[in-house]
Amino acid sequence: MTEAENRQGEAVRTAACSCGNFRLALAGAPERVYACACLECQKATGSAFSYRARYRKQAIVADEGERRRFRRITDEGRWMDQVFCPNCGTLVYMEAEVLENGIVVSVGCFGEPDFAPPAAIFWSRRRHGWYEPDAEIRLVE
C-alpha cells in the first residue's frame, strides 16, 4: 500500500514494525516532520533522538495487527502512550494527551529513505555533542 492512493486520490504511506505484524496506513502528507532529542525520546528509541511525522488521526486508512501501549506521565502531568509491536518491540507511533486529534509516527517505520527531513529538532540542548544539524533545521529548546 506504500505510495498507493486512497479514494480521495491522496498518497497513502504504510508504516510497519520490523516483523511486519503491525501496520498502519496513512493518507496524505504529514502535518509536521521533526526530530526530538529529549531524554524520553532517546530512551524510547534507544538512539540519540526520535525522527517522527505528525498526522491527524483521520489520516489513518488501515490499522492492522496486534500492538501494546506503554503509558508514561510527562513532567507536566499529562499522559503519553508509546504504541509498539508486542512481537518485535518496534515503536510504531505515539499518542499524547496534548495531541488530542493526532498521532506521531516513527519515520523509520515507513521504510522510505526519501521521506521529508525534519524541519526542527526539539529539546536541542539535549542532543548529543557529535550531532551538528545543518542551518536549515530549526533548533528548539
C-alpha atoms as a PDB file:
ATOM      1  CA  MET A   1       0.000   0.000   0.000  1.00  0.00           C
ATOM      2  CA  THR A   2       3.052   2.319   0.198  1.00  0.00           C
ATOM      3  CA  GLU A   3       2.624   5.300  -2.143  1.00  0.00           C
ATOM      4  CA  ALA A   4      -0.725   3.938  -3.305  1.00  0.00           C
ATOM      5  CA  GLU A   5      -3.706   6.249  -3.446  1.00  0.00           C
ATOM      6  CA  ASN A   6      -6.863   6.251  -1.348  1.00  0.00           C
ATOM      7  CA  ARG A   7     -10.343   7.045  -2.603  1.00  0.00           C
ATOM      8  CA  GLN A   8      -9.701  10.816  -2.465  1.00  0.00           C
ATOM      9  CA  GLY A   9      -6.555  10.480  -4.585  1.00  0.00           C
ATOM     10  CA  GLU A  10      -4.191  11.204  -1.683  1.00  0.00           C
ATOM     11  CA  ALA A  11      -0.913   9.306  -1.450  1.00  0.00           C
ATOM     12  CA  VAL A  12      -1.026   6.538   1.157  1.00  0.00           C
ATOM     13  CA  ARG A  13       2.054   5.521   3.117  1.00  0.00           C
ATOM     14  CA  THR A  14       2.274   2.408   5.266  1.00  0.00           C
ATOM     15  CA  ALA A  15       4.306   2.288   8.464  1.00  0.00           C
ATOM     16  CA  ALA A  16       5.151  -1.197   9.713  1.00  0.00           C
ATOM     17  CA  CYS A  17       7.072  -2.764  12.552  1.00  0.00           C
ATOM     18  CA  SER A  18      10.224  -4.793  11.943  1.00  0.00           C
ATOM     19  CA  CYS A  19       8.443  -8.170  11.803  1.00  0.00           C
ATOM     20  CA  GLY A  20       5.520  -6.827   9.715  1.00  0.00           C
ATOM     21  CA  ASN A  21       2.884  -7.882  12.261  1.00  0.00           C
ATOM     22  CA  PHE A  22       1.676  -4.322  12.990  1.00  0.00           C
ATOM     23  CA  ARG A  23       0.885  -1.987  10.065  1.00  0.00           C
ATOM     24  CA  LEU A  24      -0.598   1.487   9.909  1.00  0.00           C
ATOM     25  CA  ALA A  25      -1.562   3.147   6.586  1.00  0.00           C
ATOM     26  CA  LEU A  26      -1.956   6.929   6.454  1.00  0.00           C
ATOM     27  CA  ALA A  27      -3.330   9.133   3.676  1.00  0.00           C
ATOM     28  CA  GLY A  28      -1.849  12.466   2.722  1.00  0.00           C
ATOM     29  CA  ALA A  29       1.217  14.351   3.812  1.00  0.00           C
ATOM     30  CA  PRO A  30       2.179  14.675   7.475  1.00  0.00           C
ATOM     31  CA  GLU A  31       1.416  17.966   9.223  1.00  0.00           C
ATOM     32  CA  ARG A  32       4.969  18.161  10.522  1.00  0.00           C
ATOM     33  CA  VAL A  33       8.186  16.154  10.389  1.00  0.00           C
ATOM     34  CA  TYR A  34      10.580  16.680  13.281  1.00  0.00           C
ATOM     35  CA  ALA A  35      13.286  15.196  15.437  1.00  0.00           C
ATOM     36  CA  CYS A  36      13.324  15.293  19.223  1.00  0.00           C
ATOM     37  CA  ALA A  37      16.374  14.917  21.424  1.00  0.00           C
ATOM     38  CA  CYS A  38      14.582  14.882  24.801  1.00  0.00           C
ATOM     39  CA  LEU A  39      15.697  12.166  27.192  1.00  0.00           C
ATOM     40  CA  GLU A  40      12.368  10.325  26.894  1.00  0.00           C
ATOM     41  CA  CYS A  41      12.669  10.090  23.089  1.00  0.00           C
ATOM     42  CA  GLN A  42      16.250   8.887  23.463  1.00  0.00           C
ATOM     43  CA  LYS A  43      15.090   6.157  25.850  1.00  0.00           C
ATOM     44  CA  ALA A  44      12.031   5.222  23.752  1.00  0.00           C
ATOM     45  CA  THR A  45      14.049   4.828  20.541  1.00  0.00           C
ATOM     46  CA  GLY A  46      17.334   3.644  22.012  1.00  0.00           C
ATOM     47  CA  SER A  47      19.031   6.284  19.877  1.00  0.00           C
ATOM     48  CA  ALA A  48      20.219   9.888  20.119  1.00  0.00           C
ATOM     49  CA  PHE A  49      16.816  11.270  19.054  1.00  0.00           C
ATOM     50  CA  SER A  50      13.467  10.366  17.543  1.00  0.00           C
ATOM     51  CA  TYR A  51      12.529  11.160  13.926  1.00  0.00           C
ATOM     52  CA  ARG A  52       8.754  11.424  13.629  1.00  0.00           C
ATOM     53  CA  ALA A  53       5.910  12.549  11.388  1.00  0.00           C
ATOM     54  CA  ARG A  54       2.737  14.025  12.880  1.00  0.00           C
ATOM     55  CA  TYR A  55      -0.604  13.137  11.284  1.00  0.00           C
ATOM     56  CA  ARG A  56      -4.238  13.752  12.186  1.00  0.00           C
ATOM     57  CA  LYS A  57      -5.994  10.579  13.342  1.00  0.00           C
ATOM     58  CA  GLN A  58      -8.378  10.981  10.392  1.00  0.00           C
ATOM     59  CA  ALA A  59      -5.430  10.205   8.077  1.00  0.00           C
ATOM     60  CA  ILE A  60      -5.475   6.554   9.215  1.00  0.00           C
ATOM     61  CA  VAL A  61      -6.961   4.437   6.406  1.00  0.00           C
ATOM     62  CA  ALA A  62      -5.876   0.985   7.644  1.00  0.00           C
ATOM     63  CA  ASP A  63      -4.755  -0.295  11.015  1.00  0.00           C
ATOM     64  CA  GLU A  64      -3.749  -3.963  11.274  1.00  0.00           C
ATOM     65  CA  GLY A  65      -2.067  -6.194  13.808  1.00  0.00           C
ATOM     66  CA  GLU A  66      -1.548  -6.595  17.481  1.00  0.00           C
ATOM     67  CA  ARG A  67       0.019  -3.811  19.474  1.00  0.00           C
ATOM     68  CA  ARG A  68       0.785  -2.832  23.064  1.00  0.00           C
ATOM     69  CA  ARG A  69       0.943   0.540  24.782  1.00  0.00           C
ATOM     70  CA  PHE A  70       3.358   1.914  27.292  1.00  0.00           C
ATOM     71  CA  ARG A  71       1.918   4.941  29.084  1.00  0.00           C
ATOM     72  CA  ARG A  72       4.023   7.409  30.964  1.00  0.00           C
ATOM     73  CA  ILE A  73       3.198  10.675  32.647  1.00  0.00           C
ATOM     74  CA  THR A  74       5.164  13.708  31.474  1.00  0.00           C
ATOM     75  CA  ASP A  75       6.811  16.255  33.735  1.00  0.00           C
ATOM     76  CA  GLU A  76       3.711  18.410  33.163  1.00  0.00           C
ATOM     77  CA  GLY A  77       1.433  15.609  34.473  1.00  0.00           C
ATOM     78  CA  ARG A  78      -0.073  14.584  31.108  1.00  0.00           C
ATOM     79  CA  TRP A  79      -0.162  11.085  29.609  1.00  0.00           C
ATOM     80  CA  MET A  80       1.855   9.932  26.624  1.00  0.00           C
ATOM     81  CA  ASP A  81       1.489   6.467  25.027  1.00  0.00           C
ATOM     82  CA  GLN A  82       4.210   4.707  23.061  1.00  0.00           C
ATOM     83  CA  VAL A  83       2.492   2.144  20.781  1.00  0.00           C
ATOM     84  CA  PHE A  84       4.632  -0.810  19.755  1.00  0.00           C
ATOM     85  CA  CYS A  85       4.561  -4.330  18.321  1.00  0.00           C
ATOM     86  CA  PRO A  86       4.487  -6.952  21.106  1.00  0.00           C
ATOM     87  CA  ASN A  87       6.337  -9.418  18.870  1.00  0.00           C
ATOM     88  CA  CYS A  88       9.409  -7.426  17.730  1.00  0.00           C
ATOM     89  CA  GLY A  89       9.177  -4.366  20.020  1.00  0.00           C
ATOM     90  CA  THR A  90       9.254  -1.744  17.262  1.00  0.00           C
ATOM     91  CA  LEU A  91       7.844   1.614  18.403  1.00  0.00           C
ATOM     92  CA  VAL A  92       5.464   2.454  15.530  1.00  0.00           C
ATOM     93  CA  TYR A  93       3.687   5.550  16.835  1.00  0.00           C
ATOM     94  CA  MET A  94       2.934   7.753  19.808  1.00  0.00           C
ATOM     95  CA  GLU A  95      -0.248   9.359  21.110  1.00  0.00           C
ATOM     96  CA  ALA A  96      -0.314  12.062  23.745  1.00  0.00           C
ATOM     97  CA  GLU A  97      -2.860  13.993  25.740  1.00  0.00           C
ATOM     98  CA  VAL A  98      -1.576  17.223  24.197  1.00  0.00           C
ATOM     99  CA  LEU A  99      -2.125  15.823  20.669  1.00  0.00           C
ATOM    100  CA  GLU A 100      -5.873  15.488  21.041  1.00  0.00           C
ATOM    101  CA  ASN A 101      -6.545  14.581  17.408  1.00  0.00           C
ATOM    102  CA  GLY A 102      -3.089  13.450  16.324  1.00  0.00           C
ATOM    103  CA  ILE A 103      -0.576  10.649  16.248  1.00  0.00           C
ATOM    104  CA  VAL A 104       3.157  10.812  15.719  1.00  0.00           C
ATOM    105  CA  VAL A 105       4.623   8.012  13.601  1.00  0.00           C
ATOM    106  CA  SER A 106       8.239   6.835  13.719  1.00  0.00           C
ATOM    107  CA  VAL A 107       9.544   7.776  10.264  1.00  0.00           C
ATOM    108  CA  GLY A 108      11.824   4.737  10.071  1.00  0.00           C
ATOM    109  CA  CYS A 109       8.732   2.520  10.074  1.00  0.00           C
ATOM    110  CA  PHE A 110       7.795   3.858   6.636  1.00  0.00           C
ATOM    111  CA  GLY A 111      10.990   2.414   5.144  1.00  0.00           C
ATOM    112  CA  GLU A 112      11.316   5.372   2.768  1.00  0.00           C
ATOM    113  CA  PRO A 113      14.832   6.820   2.592  1.00  0.00           C
ATOM    114  CA  ASP A 114      13.494   9.862   0.713  1.00  0.00           C
ATOM    115  CA  PHE A 115      10.983  10.793   3.444  1.00  0.00           C
ATOM    116  CA  ALA A 116      10.996  14.512   4.261  1.00  0.00           C
ATOM    117  CA  PRO A 117      13.784  15.626   6.585  1.00  0.00           C
ATOM    118  CA  PRO A 118      12.941  17.079   9.993  1.00  0.00           C
ATOM    119  CA  ALA A 119      12.112  20.785   9.925  1.00  0.00           C
ATOM    120  CA  ALA A 120      13.013  21.183  13.594  1.00  0.00           C
ATOM    121  CA  ILE A 121      14.836  19.444  16.421  1.00  0.00           C
ATOM    122  CA  PHE A 122      13.024  19.804  19.718  1.00  0.00           C
ATOM    123  CA  TRP A 123      14.925  19.712  23.002  1.00  0.00           C
ATOM    124  CA  SER A 124      18.036  20.561  21.006  1.00  0.00           C
ATOM    125  CA  ARG A 125      20.034  21.349  24.132  1.00  0.00           C
ATOM    126  CA  ARG A 126      19.846  17.626  24.985  1.00  0.00           C
ATOM    127  CA  ARG A 127      21.243  16.477  21.637  1.00  0.00           C
ATOM    128  CA  HIS A 128      24.497  14.567  21.684  1.00  0.00           C
ATOM    129  CA  GLY A 129      27.576  16.700  21.154  1.00  0.00           C
ATOM    130  CA  TRP A 130      28.604  14.908  17.951  1.00  0.00           C
ATOM    131  CA  TYR A 131      25.378  15.904  16.203  1.00  0.00           C
ATOM    132  CA  GLU A 132      25.507  19.270  14.450  1.00  0.00           C
ATOM    133  CA  PRO A 133      22.463  19.737  12.172  1.00  0.00           C
ATOM    134  CA  ASP A 134      22.727  21.943   9.120  1.00  0.00           C
ATOM    135  CA  ALA A 135      21.477  25.517   9.223  1.00  0.00           C
ATOM    136  CA  GLU A 136      18.141  24.608   7.555  1.00  0.00           C
ATOM    137  CA  ILE A 137      16.902  22.717  10.605  1.00  0.00           C
ATOM    138  CA  ARG A 138      15.444  24.875  13.367  1.00  0.00           C
ATOM    139  CA  LEU A 139      16.785  24.102  16.860  1.00  0.00           C
ATOM    140  CA  VAL A 140      14.110  24.351  19.538  1.00  0.00           C
ATOM    141  CA  GLU A 141      14.978  24.348  23.207  1.00  0.00           C
END
